Amino acid sequence: MKVNVAKINCPLLLVNGCDDQYWCAVETADDISNTMNAAGKGHLVTRLDYADTGHLIEPPFSPHCAAGSVILHSSNEKVIQAYGGKTKPHSHAQEDSWTKILSFLQYHLYCSPKAKL
């Protein structure tokens, strides 16, 4: 099931690792951006795309995990899943994105003329 993002009327921040091996993050962000642009809402989308960065973009100083294990719900089987990314660029993305995420939230929740709590 695909969410109809064209109905979204609030600002979106998309944070993507361009070497995400777990999820097609960049392609999904492209689809969201294109859909929002077609709906005349492209101004609501802010994208942060990080080269050589994997799936888990967490708060700064979190360790880079290039892979992890998951248990499949259907079979209870343990599977190793690659997340991608290189340690230095991934760490930089975590630091850079964190400050930008906080700024985005600060502006849109408190400072924007349209902000409502």
PDB file of N, CA and C in Angstrom:
ATOM      1  N   MET A   1       0.841  -1.179   0.000  1.00  0.00           N
ATOM      2  CA  MET A   1       0.000   0.000   0.000  1.00  0.00           C
ATOM      3  C   MET A   1       0.886   1.242   0.000  1.00  0.00           C
ATOM      4  N   LYS A   2       0.592   2.157  -0.865  1.00  0.00           N
ATOM      5  CA  LYS A   2       1.372   3.385  -0.992  1.00  0.00           C
ATOM      6  C   LYS A   2       0.584   4.554  -0.400  1.00  0.00           C
ATOM      7  N   VAL A   3       1.232   5.331   0.432  1.00  0.00           N
ATOM      8  CA  VAL A   3       0.602   6.505   1.047  1.00  0.00           C
ATOM      9  C   VAL A   3       0.494   7.606  -0.001  1.00  0.00           C
ATOM     10  N   ASN A   4      -0.653   8.249  -0.056  1.00  0.00           N
ATOM     11  CA  ASN A   4      -0.862   9.345  -0.997  1.00  0.00           C
ATOM     12  C   ASN A   4      -0.278  10.628  -0.396  1.00  0.00           C
ATOM     13  N   VAL A   5       1.009  10.832  -0.648  1.00  0.00           N
ATOM     14  CA  VAL A   5       1.697  11.983  -0.060  1.00  0.00           C
ATOM     15  C   VAL A   5       1.217  13.306  -0.638  1.00  0.00           C
ATOM     16  N   ALA A   6       0.507  13.272  -1.751  1.00  0.00           N
ATOM     17  CA  ALA A   6      -0.014  14.508  -2.340  1.00  0.00           C
ATOM     18  C   ALA A   6      -1.022  15.184  -1.414  1.00  0.00           C
ATOM     19  N   LYS A   7      -1.564  14.446  -0.470  1.00  0.00           N
ATOM     20  CA  LYS A   7      -2.538  15.008   0.475  1.00  0.00           C
ATOM     21  C   LYS A   7      -1.868  15.686   1.668  1.00  0.00           C
ATOM     22  N   ILE A   8      -0.557  15.520   1.795  1.00  0.00           N
ATOM     23  CA  ILE A   8       0.160  16.097   2.933  1.00  0.00           C
ATOM     24  C   ILE A   8       0.235  17.613   2.785  1.00  0.00           C
ATOM     25  N   ASN A   9      -0.057  18.307   3.868  1.00  0.00           N
ATOM     26  CA  ASN A   9      -0.044  19.773   3.846  1.00  0.00           C
ATOM     27  C   ASN A   9       0.915  20.370   4.864  1.00  0.00           C
ATOM     28  N   CYS A  10       1.851  19.559   5.343  1.00  0.00           N
ATOM     29  CA  CYS A  10       2.822  20.060   6.313  1.00  0.00           C
ATOM     30  C   CYS A  10       4.230  19.849   5.768  1.00  0.00           C
ATOM     31  N   PRO A  11       5.202  20.561   6.305  1.00  0.00           N
ATOM     32  CA  PRO A  11       6.581  20.400   5.851  1.00  0.00           C
ATOM     33  C   PRO A  11       7.104  18.983   6.122  1.00  0.00           C
ATOM     34  N   LEU A  12       7.887  18.482   5.186  1.00  0.00           N
ATOM     35  CA  LEU A  12       8.504  17.159   5.304  1.00  0.00           C
ATOM     36  C   LEU A  12      10.015  17.310   5.233  1.00  0.00           C
ATOM     37  N   LEU A  13      10.708  16.571   6.069  1.00  0.00           N
ATOM     38  CA  LEU A  13      12.157  16.499   6.012  1.00  0.00           C
ATOM     39  C   LEU A  13      12.516  15.055   5.711  1.00  0.00           C
ATOM     40  N   LEU A  14      13.190  14.827   4.591  1.00  0.00           N
ATOM     41  CA  LEU A  14      13.593  13.491   4.171  1.00  0.00           C
ATOM     42  C   LEU A  14      15.107  13.378   4.338  1.00  0.00           C
ATOM     43  N   VAL A  15      15.548  12.446   5.170  1.00  0.00           N
ATOM     44  CA  VAL A  15      16.972  12.229   5.436  1.00  0.00           C
ATOM     45  C   VAL A  15      17.338  10.876   4.833  1.00  0.00           C
ATOM     46  N   ASN A  16      18.252  10.897   3.851  1.00  0.00           N
ATOM     47  CA  ASN A  16      18.559   9.686   3.096  1.00  0.00           C
ATOM     48  C   ASN A  16      20.040   9.366   3.064  1.00  0.00           C
ATOM     49  N   GLY A  17      20.333   8.102   3.258  1.00  0.00           N
ATOM     50  CA  GLY A  17      21.673   7.591   3.012  1.00  0.00           C
ATOM     51  C   GLY A  17      21.720   7.078   1.585  1.00  0.00           C
ATOM     52  N   CYS A  18      22.610   7.615   0.791  1.00  0.00           N
ATOM     53  CA  CYS A  18      22.667   7.244  -0.634  1.00  0.00           C
ATOM     54  C   CYS A  18      23.277   5.868  -0.861  1.00  0.00           C
ATOM     55  N   ASP A  19      23.811   5.239   0.192  1.00  0.00           N
ATOM     56  CA  ASP A  19      24.306   3.868   0.092  1.00  0.00           C
ATOM     57  C   ASP A  19      23.472   2.944   0.984  1.00  0.00           C
ATOM     58  N   ASP A  20      22.206   3.278   1.156  1.00  0.00           N
ATOM     59  CA  ASP A  20      21.304   2.466   1.970  1.00  0.00           C
ATOM     60  C   ASP A  20      21.116   1.115   1.288  1.00  0.00           C
ATOM     61  N   GLN A  21      21.552   0.047   1.939  1.00  0.00           N
ATOM     62  CA  GLN A  21      21.423  -1.301   1.392  1.00  0.00           C
ATOM     63  C   GLN A  21      20.171  -2.011   1.907  1.00  0.00           C
ATOM     64  N   TYR A  22      19.468  -1.383   2.829  1.00  0.00           N
ATOM     65  CA  TYR A  22      18.295  -1.996   3.458  1.00  0.00           C
ATOM     66  C   TYR A  22      16.994  -1.566   2.790  1.00  0.00           C
ATOM     67  N   TRP A  23      16.959  -0.305   2.366  1.00  0.00           N
ATOM     68  CA  TRP A  23      15.726   0.272   1.836  1.00  0.00           C
ATOM     69  C   TRP A  23      16.086   1.171   0.663  1.00  0.00           C
ATOM     70  N   CYS A  24      15.210   1.272  -0.298  1.00  0.00           N
ATOM     71  CA  CYS A  24      15.464   2.141  -1.460  1.00  0.00           C
ATOM     72  C   CYS A  24      15.128   3.589  -1.075  1.00  0.00           C
ATOM     73  N   ALA A  25      15.934   4.142  -0.177  1.00  0.00           N
ATOM     74  CA  ALA A  25      15.662   5.448   0.424  1.00  0.00           C
ATOM     75  C   ALA A  25      15.681   6.581  -0.592  1.00  0.00           C
ATOM     76  N   VAL A  26      16.679   6.617  -1.446  1.00  0.00           N
ATOM     77  CA  VAL A  26      16.790   7.716  -2.412  1.00  0.00           C
ATOM     78  C   VAL A  26      15.650   7.651  -3.422  1.00  0.00           C
ATOM     79  N   GLU A  27      15.344   6.464  -3.897  1.00  0.00           N
ATOM     80  CA  GLU A  27      14.250   6.300  -4.856  1.00  0.00           C
ATOM     81  C   GLU A  27      12.910   6.672  -4.221  1.00  0.00           C
ATOM     82  N   THR A  28      12.727   6.299  -2.956  1.00  0.00           N
ATOM     83  CA  THR A  28      11.494   6.661  -2.250  1.00  0.00           C
ATOM     84  C   THR A  28      11.410   8.169  -2.074  1.00  0.00           C
ATOM     85  N   ALA A  29      12.524   8.803  -1.711  1.00  0.00           N
ATOM     86  CA  ALA A  29      12.544  10.264  -1.568  1.00  0.00           C
ATOM     87  C   ALA A  29      12.290  10.945  -2.907  1.00  0.00           C
ATOM     88  N   ASP A  30      12.844  10.384  -3.990  1.00  0.00           N
ATOM     89  CA  ASP A  30      12.567  10.923  -5.336  1.00  0.00           C
ATOM     90  C   ASP A  30      11.077  10.854  -5.634  1.00  0.00           C
ATOM     91  N   ASP A  31      10.456   9.716  -5.328  1.00  0.00           N
ATOM     92  CA  ASP A  31       9.027   9.534  -5.580  1.00  0.00           C
ATOM     93  C   ASP A  31       8.193  10.517  -4.762  1.00  0.00           C
ATOM     94  N   ILE A  32       8.540  10.672  -3.499  1.00  0.00           N
ATOM     95  CA  ILE A  32       7.818  11.627  -2.640  1.00  0.00           C
ATOM     96  C   ILE A  32       7.987  13.045  -3.175  1.00  0.00           C
ATOM     97  N   SER A  33       9.209  13.415  -3.513  1.00  0.00           N
ATOM     98  CA  SER A  33       9.481  14.765  -4.036  1.00  0.00           C
ATOM     99  C   SER A  33       8.718  15.016  -5.333  1.00  0.00           C
ATOM    100  N   ASN A  34       8.752  14.048  -6.248  1.00  0.00           N
ATOM    101  CA  ASN A  34       8.049  14.197  -7.530  1.00  0.00           C
ATOM    102  C   ASN A  34       6.544  14.306  -7.336  1.00  0.00           C
ATOM    103  N   THR A  35       6.004  13.503  -6.436  1.00  0.00           N
ATOM    104  CA  THR A  35       4.561  13.541  -6.164  1.00  0.00           C
ATOM    105  C   THR A  35       4.167  14.880  -5.554  1.00  0.00           C
ATOM    106  N   MET A  36       4.961  15.351  -4.606  1.00  0.00           N
ATOM    107  CA  MET A  36       4.660  16.638  -3.975  1.00  0.00           C
ATOM    108  C   MET A  36       4.795  17.782  -4.984  1.00  0.00           C
ATOM    109  N   ASN A  37       5.809  17.737  -5.838  1.00  0.00           N
ATOM    110  CA  ASN A  37       5.969  18.755  -6.882  1.00  0.00           C
ATOM    111  C   ASN A  37       4.770  18.763  -7.820  1.00  0.00           C
ATOM    112  N   ALA A  38       4.332  17.587  -8.237  1.00  0.00           N
ATOM    113  CA  ALA A  38       3.185  17.487  -9.151  1.00  0.00           C
ATOM    114  C   ALA A  38       1.909  18.023  -8.511  1.00  0.00           C
ATOM    115  N   ALA A  39       1.810  17.921  -7.192  1.00  0.00           N
ATOM    116  CA  ALA A  39       0.634  18.422  -6.473  1.00  0.00           C
ATOM    117  C   ALA A  39       0.769  19.898  -6.118  1.00  0.00           C
ATOM    118  N   GLY A  40       1.869  20.529  -6.555  1.00  0.00           N
ATOM    119  CA  GLY A  40       2.098  21.938  -6.242  1.00  0.00           C
ATOM    120  C   GLY A  40       2.549  22.170  -4.815  1.00  0.00           C
ATOM    121  N   LYS A  41       3.101  21.122  -4.197  1.00  0.00           N
ATOM    122  CA  LYS A  41       3.519  21.223  -2.798  1.00  0.00           C
ATOM    123  C   LYS A  41       5.012  20.957  -2.613  1.00  0.00           C
ATOM    124  N   GLY A  42       5.767  21.093  -3.675  1.00  0.00           N
ATOM    125  CA  GLY A  42       7.201  20.857  -3.612  1.00  0.00           C
ATOM    126  C   GLY A  42       7.915  21.732  -2.601  1.00  0.00           C
ATOM    127  N   HIS A  43       7.357  22.912  -2.331  1.00  0.00           N
ATOM    128  CA  HIS A  43       7.959  23.827  -1.362  1.00  0.00           C
ATOM    129  C   HIS A  43       7.935  23.275   0.066  1.00  0.00           C
ATOM    130  N   LEU A  44       7.123  22.255   0.302  1.00  0.00           N
ATOM    131  CA  LEU A  44       7.025  21.665   1.631  1.00  0.00           C
ATOM    132  C   LEU A  44       8.108  20.616   1.909  1.00  0.00           C
ATOM    133  N   VAL A  45       8.831  20.199   0.870  1.00  0.00           N
ATOM    134  CA  VAL A  45       9.798  19.105   0.996  1.00  0.00           C
ATOM    135  C   VAL A  45      11.223  19.640   1.122  1.00  0.00           C
ATOM    136  N   THR A  46      11.912  19.186   2.144  1.00  0.00           N
ATOM    137  CA  THR A  46      13.336  19.449   2.326  1.00  0.00           C
ATOM    138  C   THR A  46      14.030  18.094   2.346  1.00  0.00           C
ATOM    139  N   ARG A  47      15.103  17.977   1.544  1.00  0.00           N
ATOM    140  CA  ARG A  47      15.826  16.707   1.458  1.00  0.00           C
ATOM    141  C   ARG A  47      17.264  16.873   1.916  1.00  0.00           C
ATOM    142  N   LEU A  48      17.713  15.876   2.648  1.00  0.00           N
ATOM    143  CA  LEU A  48      19.116  15.763   3.027  1.00  0.00           C
ATOM    144  C   LEU A  48      19.592  14.418   2.498  1.00  0.00           C
ATOM    145  N   ASP A  49      20.405  14.433   1.458  1.00  0.00           N
ATOM    146  CA  ASP A  49      20.939  13.209   0.858  1.00  0.00           C
ATOM    147  C   ASP A  49      22.431  13.137   1.170  1.00  0.00           C
ATOM    148  N   TYR A  50      22.865  12.023   1.730  1.00  0.00           N
ATOM    149  CA  TYR A  50      24.252  11.858   2.144  1.00  0.00           C
ATOM    150  C   TYR A  50      24.922  10.720   1.388  1.00  0.00           C
ATOM    151  N   ALA A  51      25.972  11.062   0.637  1.00  0.00           N
ATOM    152  CA  ALA A  51      26.743  10.065  -0.112  1.00  0.00           C
ATOM    153  C   ALA A  51      27.465   9.122   0.848  1.00  0.00           C
ATOM    154  N   ASP A  52      27.638   7.883   0.440  1.00  0.00           N
ATOM    155  CA  ASP A  52      28.378   6.864   1.206  1.00  0.00           C
ATOM    156  C   ASP A  52      27.824   6.654   2.609  1.00  0.00           C
ATOM    157  N   THR A  53      26.540   6.916   2.773  1.00  0.00           N
ATOM    158  CA  THR A  53      25.881   6.776   4.065  1.00  0.00           C
ATOM    159  C   THR A  53      24.820   5.691   3.958  1.00  0.00           C
ATOM    160  N   GLY A  54      24.743   4.856   4.989  1.00  0.00           N
ATOM    161  CA  GLY A  54      23.837   3.720   4.975  1.00  0.00           C
ATOM    162  C   GLY A  54      22.463   4.019   5.555  1.00  0.00           C
ATOM    163  N   HIS A  55      21.819   2.971   6.049  1.00  0.00           N
ATOM    164  CA  HIS A  55      20.417   3.017   6.450  1.00  0.00           C
ATOM    165  C   HIS A  55      20.171   3.730   7.776  1.00  0.00           C
ATOM    166  N   LEU A  56      20.921   3.426   8.785  1.00  0.00           N
ATOM    167  CA  LEU A  56      20.616   3.930  10.122  1.00  0.00           C
ATOM    168  C   LEU A  56      21.320   5.250  10.406  1.00  0.00           C
ATOM    169  N   ILE A  57      20.687   6.342  10.037  1.00  0.00           N
ATOM    170  CA  ILE A  57      21.231   7.663  10.337  1.00  0.00           C
ATOM    171  C   ILE A  57      20.625   8.070  11.681  1.00  0.00           C
ATOM    172  N   GLU A  58      21.427   7.918  12.715  1.00  0.00           N
ATOM    173  CA  GLU A  58      20.971   8.125  14.078  1.00  0.00           C
ATOM    174  C   GLU A  58      21.577   9.406  14.647  1.00  0.00           C
ATOM    175  N   PRO A  59      21.308   9.724  15.916  1.00  0.00           N
ATOM    176  CA  PRO A  59      21.921  10.913  16.518  1.00  0.00           C
ATOM    177  C   PRO A  59      23.446  10.835  16.502  1.00  0.00           C
ATOM    178  N   PRO A  60      24.110  11.967  16.589  1.00  0.00           N
ATOM    179  CA  PRO A  60      25.577  12.002  16.537  1.00  0.00           C
ATOM    180  C   PRO A  60      26.223  11.076  17.560  1.00  0.00           C
ATOM    181  N   PHE A  61      27.364  10.557  17.159  1.00  0.00           N
ATOM    182  CA  PHE A  61      28.216   9.717  17.984  1.00  0.00           C
ATOM    183  C   PHE A  61      27.645   8.327  18.235  1.00  0.00           C
ATOM    184  N   SER A  62      26.535   8.002  17.585  1.00  0.00           N
ATOM    185  CA  SER A  62      26.061   6.618  17.605  1.00  0.00           C
ATOM    186  C   SER A  62      26.998   5.818  16.710  1.00  0.00           C
ATOM    187  N   PRO A  63      27.283   4.575  17.061  1.00  0.00           N
ATOM    188  CA  PRO A  63      28.205   3.795  16.238  1.00  0.00           C
ATOM    189  C   PRO A  63      27.605   3.486  14.870  1.00  0.00           C
ATOM    190  N   HIS A  64      28.464   3.448  13.868  1.00  0.00           N
ATOM    191  CA  HIS A  64      28.023   3.075  12.523  1.00  0.00           C
ATOM    192  C   HIS A  64      27.867   1.566  12.473  1.00  0.00           C
ATOM    193  N   CYS A  65      26.707   1.109  12.114  1.00  0.00           N
ATOM    194  CA  CYS A  65      26.442  -0.329  11.965  1.00  0.00           C
ATOM    195  C   CYS A  65      26.226  -0.610  10.485  1.00  0.00           C
ATOM    196  N   ALA A  66      27.170  -1.285   9.863  1.00  0.00           N
ATOM    197  CA  ALA A  66      27.064  -1.593   8.435  1.00  0.00           C
ATOM    198  C   ALA A  66      26.133  -2.761   8.175  1.00  0.00           C
ATOM    199  N   ALA A  67      25.815  -3.535   9.220  1.00  0.00           N
ATOM    200  CA  ALA A  67      24.912  -4.677   9.083  1.00  0.00           C
ATOM    201  C   ALA A  67      24.315  -4.991  10.443  1.00  0.00           C
ATOM    202  N   GLY A  68      23.242  -5.734  10.428  1.00  0.00           N
ATOM    203  CA  GLY A  68      22.597  -6.153  11.662  1.00  0.00           C
ATOM    204  C   GLY A  68      21.777  -7.394  11.407  1.00  0.00           C
ATOM    205  N   SER A  69      21.265  -7.981  12.458  1.00  0.00           N
ATOM    206  CA  SER A  69      20.448  -9.181  12.293  1.00  0.00           C
ATOM    207  C   SER A  69      18.992  -8.860  12.606  1.00  0.00           C
ATOM    208  N   VAL A  70      18.122  -9.483  11.854  1.00  0.00           N
ATOM    209  CA  VAL A  70      16.684  -9.340  12.060  1.00  0.00           C
ATOM    210  C   VAL A  70      16.080 -10.736  12.104  1.00  0.00           C
ATOM    211  N   ILE A  71      14.964 -10.871  12.788  1.00  0.00           N
ATOM    212  CA  ILE A  71      14.247 -12.142  12.835  1.00  0.00           C
ATOM    213  C   ILE A  71      12.988 -11.988  11.988  1.00  0.00           C
ATOM    214  N   LEU A  72      12.854 -12.860  11.004  1.00  0.00           N
ATOM    215  CA  LEU A  72      11.690 -12.826  10.128  1.00  0.00           C
ATOM    216  C   LEU A  72      10.460 -13.287  10.899  1.00  0.00           C
ATOM    217  N   HIS A  73       9.433 -12.482  10.872  1.00  0.00           N
ATOM    218  CA  HIS A  73       8.210 -12.778  11.609  1.00  0.00           C
ATOM    219  C   HIS A  73       7.560 -14.075  11.117  1.00  0.00           C
ATOM    220  N   SER A  74       7.559 -14.276   9.806  1.00  0.00           N
ATOM    221  CA  SER A  74       6.857 -15.425   9.228  1.00  0.00           C
ATOM    222  C   SER A  74       7.500 -16.769   9.569  1.00  0.00           C
ATOM    223  N   SER A  75       8.840 -16.811   9.644  1.00  0.00           N
ATOM    224  CA  SER A  75       9.516 -18.099   9.839  1.00  0.00           C
ATOM    225  C   SER A  75      10.352 -18.167  11.113  1.00  0.00           C
ATOM    226  N   ASN A  76      10.444 -17.064  11.844  1.00  0.00           N
ATOM    227  CA  ASN A  76      11.276 -16.975  13.044  1.00  0.00           C
ATOM    228  C   ASN A  76      12.756 -17.224  12.733  1.00  0.00           C
ATOM    229  N   GLU A  77      13.127 -17.030  11.469  1.00  0.00           N
ATOM    230  CA  GLU A  77      14.498 -17.236  11.006  1.00  0.00           C
ATOM    231  C   GLU A  77      15.303 -15.961  11.214  1.00  0.00           C
ATOM    232  N   LYS A  78      16.548 -16.107  11.681  1.00  0.00           N
ATOM    233  CA  LYS A  78      17.444 -14.975  11.883  1.00  0.00           C
ATOM    234  C   LYS A  78      18.205 -14.729  10.582  1.00  0.00           C
ATOM    235  N   VAL A  79      18.194 -13.481  10.112  1.00  0.00           N
ATOM    236  CA  VAL A  79      18.821 -13.113   8.850  1.00  0.00           C
ATOM    237  C   VAL A  79      19.757 -11.931   9.088  1.00  0.00           C
ATOM    238  N   ILE A  80      20.940 -11.972   8.474  1.00  0.00           N
ATOM    239  CA  ILE A  80      21.862 -10.832   8.532  1.00  0.00           C
ATOM    240  C   ILE A  80      21.483  -9.884   7.391  1.00  0.00           C
ATOM    241  N   GLN A  81      21.307  -8.615   7.726  1.00  0.00           N
ATOM    242  CA  GLN A  81      20.894  -7.611   6.753  1.00  0.00           C
ATOM    243  C   GLN A  81      21.957  -6.523   6.658  1.00  0.00           C
ATOM    244  N   ALA A  82      22.377  -6.225   5.442  1.00  0.00           N
ATOM    245  CA  ALA A  82      23.348  -5.139   5.226  1.00  0.00           C
ATOM    246  C   ALA A  82      22.633  -3.791   5.278  1.00  0.00           C
ATOM    247  N   TYR A  83      23.236  -2.824   5.957  1.00  0.00           N
ATOM    248  CA  TYR A  83      22.689  -1.468   6.028  1.00  0.00           C
ATOM    249  C   TYR A  83      23.447  -0.505   5.135  1.00  0.00           C
ATOM    250  N   GLY A  84      24.700  -0.828   4.814  1.00  0.00           N
ATOM    251  CA  GLY A  84      25.486   0.008   3.920  1.00  0.00           C
ATOM    252  C   GLY A  84      26.190   1.147   4.627  1.00  0.00           C
ATOM    253  N   GLY A  85      26.874   1.938   3.825  1.00  0.00           N
ATOM    254  CA  GLY A  85      27.573   3.113   4.323  1.00  0.00           C
ATOM    255  C   GLY A  85      29.013   2.848   4.696  1.00  0.00           C
ATOM    256  N   LYS A  86      29.794   3.920   4.665  1.00  0.00           N
ATOM    257  CA  LYS A  86      31.186   3.892   5.105  1.00  0.00           C
ATOM    258  C   LYS A  86      31.268   4.687   6.402  1.00  0.00           C
ATOM    259  N   THR A  87      32.128   4.260   7.291  1.00  0.00           N
ATOM    260  CA  THR A  87      32.137   4.797   8.659  1.00  0.00           C
ATOM    261  C   THR A  87      32.284   6.320   8.723  1.00  0.00           C
ATOM    262  N   LYS A  88      33.278   6.896   8.072  1.00  0.00           N
ATOM    263  CA  LYS A  88      33.517   8.342   8.192  1.00  0.00           C
ATOM    264  C   LYS A  88      32.366   9.166   7.592  1.00  0.00           C
ATOM    265  N   PRO A  89      31.947   8.905   6.335  1.00  0.00           N
ATOM    266  CA  PRO A  89      30.833   9.700   5.804  1.00  0.00           C
ATOM    267  C   PRO A  89      29.522   9.477   6.571  1.00  0.00           C
ATOM    268  N   HIS A  90      29.327   8.257   7.047  1.00  0.00           N
ATOM    269  CA  HIS A  90      28.105   7.976   7.806  1.00  0.00           C
ATOM    270  C   HIS A  90      28.101   8.766   9.121  1.00  0.00           C
ATOM    271  N   SER A  91      29.249   8.798   9.789  1.00  0.00           N
ATOM    272  CA  SER A  91      29.355   9.559  11.038  1.00  0.00           C
ATOM    273  C   SER A  91      29.144  11.053  10.801  1.00  0.00           C
ATOM    274  N   HIS A  92      29.714  11.555   9.706  1.00  0.00           N
ATOM    275  CA  HIS A  92      29.504  12.966   9.350  1.00  0.00           C
ATOM    276  C   HIS A  92      28.021  13.239   9.109  1.00  0.00           C
ATOM    277  N   ALA A  93      27.337  12.325   8.408  1.00  0.00           N
ATOM    278  CA  ALA A  93      25.911  12.502   8.118  1.00  0.00           C
ATOM    279  C   ALA A  93      25.095  12.549   9.402  1.00  0.00           C
ATOM    280  N   GLN A  94      25.471  11.724  10.377  1.00  0.00           N
ATOM    281  CA  GLN A  94      24.743  11.732  11.653  1.00  0.00           C
ATOM    282  C   GLN A  94      24.904  13.069  12.367  1.00  0.00           C
ATOM    283  N   GLU A  95      26.094  13.617  12.357  1.00  0.00           N
ATOM    284  CA  GLU A  95      26.324  14.913  13.004  1.00  0.00           C
ATOM    285  C   GLU A  95      25.628  16.038  12.247  1.00  0.00           C
ATOM    286  N   ASP A  96      25.808  16.061  10.922  1.00  0.00           N
ATOM    287  CA  ASP A  96      25.240  17.125  10.097  1.00  0.00           C
ATOM    288  C   ASP A  96      23.716  17.094  10.109  1.00  0.00           C
ATOM    289  N   SER A  97      23.155  15.910   9.930  1.00  0.00           N
ATOM    290  CA  SER A  97      21.692  15.807   9.864  1.00  0.00           C
ATOM    291  C   SER A  97      21.044  16.155  11.196  1.00  0.00           C
ATOM    292  N   TRP A  98      21.704  15.813  12.305  1.00  0.00           N
ATOM    293  CA  TRP A  98      21.116  16.082  13.619  1.00  0.00           C
ATOM    294  C   TRP A  98      20.869  17.571  13.828  1.00  0.00           C
ATOM    295  N   THR A  99      21.860  18.391  13.502  1.00  0.00           N
ATOM    296  CA  THR A  99      21.670  19.839  13.680  1.00  0.00           C
ATOM    297  C   THR A  99      20.592  20.351  12.727  1.00  0.00           C
ATOM    298  N   LYS A 100      20.532  19.801  11.523  1.00  0.00           N
ATOM    299  CA  LYS A 100      19.523  20.243  10.559  1.00  0.00           C
ATOM    300  C   LYS A 100      18.124  19.758  10.936  1.00  0.00           C
ATOM    301  N   ILE A 101      18.022  18.576  11.514  1.00  0.00           N
ATOM    302  CA  ILE A 101      16.728  18.073  11.993  1.00  0.00           C
ATOM    303  C   ILE A 101      16.211  18.970  13.112  1.00  0.00           C
ATOM    304  N   LEU A 102      17.087  19.290  14.064  1.00  0.00           N
ATOM    305  CA  LEU A 102      16.671  20.150  15.180  1.00  0.00           C
ATOM    306  C   LEU A 102      16.263  21.538  14.688  1.00  0.00           C
ATOM    307  N   SER A 103      17.006  22.092  13.734  1.00  0.00           N
ATOM    308  CA  SER A 103      16.655  23.400  13.168  1.00  0.00           C
ATOM    309  C   SER A 103      15.322  23.345  12.439  1.00  0.00           C
ATOM    310  N   PHE A 104      15.108  22.287  11.672  1.00  0.00           N
ATOM    311  CA  PHE A 104      13.855  22.099  10.941  1.00  0.00           C
ATOM    312  C   PHE A 104      12.675  22.063  11.923  1.00  0.00           C
ATOM    313  N   LEU A 105      12.807  21.274  12.972  1.00  0.00           N
ATOM    314  CA  LEU A 105      11.732  21.168  13.964  1.00  0.00           C
ATOM    315  C   LEU A 105      11.523  22.481  14.704  1.00  0.00           C
ATOM    316  N   GLN A 106      12.612  23.126  15.087  1.00  0.00           N
ATOM    317  CA  GLN A 106      12.519  24.416  15.784  1.00  0.00           C
ATOM    318  C   GLN A 106      11.750  25.425  14.926  1.00  0.00           C
ATOM    319  N   TYR A 107      12.123  25.526  13.661  1.00  0.00           N
ATOM    320  CA  TYR A 107      11.475  26.494  12.783  1.00  0.00           C
ATOM    321  C   TYR A 107      10.000  26.151  12.552  1.00  0.00           C
ATOM    322  N   HIS A 108       9.722  24.918  12.174  1.00  0.00           N
ATOM    323  CA  HIS A 108       8.359  24.567  11.777  1.00  0.00           C
ATOM    324  C   HIS A 108       7.405  24.361  12.948  1.00  0.00           C
ATOM    325  N   LEU A 109       7.934  24.078  14.131  1.00  0.00           N
ATOM    326  CA  LEU A 109       7.050  23.909  15.285  1.00  0.00           C
ATOM    327  C   LEU A 109       6.898  25.178  16.102  1.00  0.00           C
ATOM    328  N   TYR A 110       7.905  26.074  16.058  1.00  0.00           N
ATOM    329  CA  TYR A 110       7.864  27.227  16.943  1.00  0.00           C
ATOM    330  C   TYR A 110       7.975  28.582  16.248  1.00  0.00           C
ATOM    331  N   CYS A 111       8.729  28.653  15.146  1.00  0.00           N
ATOM    332  CA  CYS A 111       9.054  29.955  14.564  1.00  0.00           C
ATOM    333  C   CYS A 111       8.262  30.297  13.314  1.00  0.00           C
ATOM    334  N   SER A 112       7.801  29.307  12.605  1.00  0.00           N
ATOM    335  CA  SER A 112       7.093  29.544  11.354  1.00  0.00           C
ATOM    336  C   SER A 112       5.805  30.304  11.623  1.00  0.00           C
ATOM    337  N   PRO A 113       5.445  31.236  10.743  1.00  0.00           N
ATOM    338  CA  PRO A 113       4.188  31.960  10.907  1.00  0.00           C
ATOM    339  C   PRO A 113       2.978  31.026  10.937  1.00  0.00           C
ATOM    340  N   LYS A 114       3.107  29.834  10.336  1.00  0.00           N
ATOM    341  CA  LYS A 114       1.994  28.871  10.291  1.00  0.00           C
ATOM    342  C   LYS A 114       2.072  27.841  11.398  1.00  0.00           C
ATOM    343  N   ALA A 115       3.083  27.919  12.259  1.00  0.00           N
ATOM    344  CA  ALA A 115       3.253  26.920  13.316  1.00  0.00           C
ATOM    345  C   ALA A 115       2.108  27.005  14.313  1.00  0.00           C
ATOM    346  N   LYS A 116       1.578  25.830  14.629  1.00  0.00           N
ATOM    347  CA  LYS A 116       0.497  25.748  15.608  1.00  0.00           C
ATOM    348  C   LYS A 116       0.813  24.608  16.569  1.00  0.00           C
ATOM    349  N   LEU A 117       0.756  24.882  17.843  1.00  0.00           N
ATOM    350  CA  LEU A 117       0.961  23.835  18.852  1.00  0.00           C
ATOM    351  C   LEU A 117      -0.324  23.503  19.527  1.00  0.00           C
TER     352      LEU A 117
END
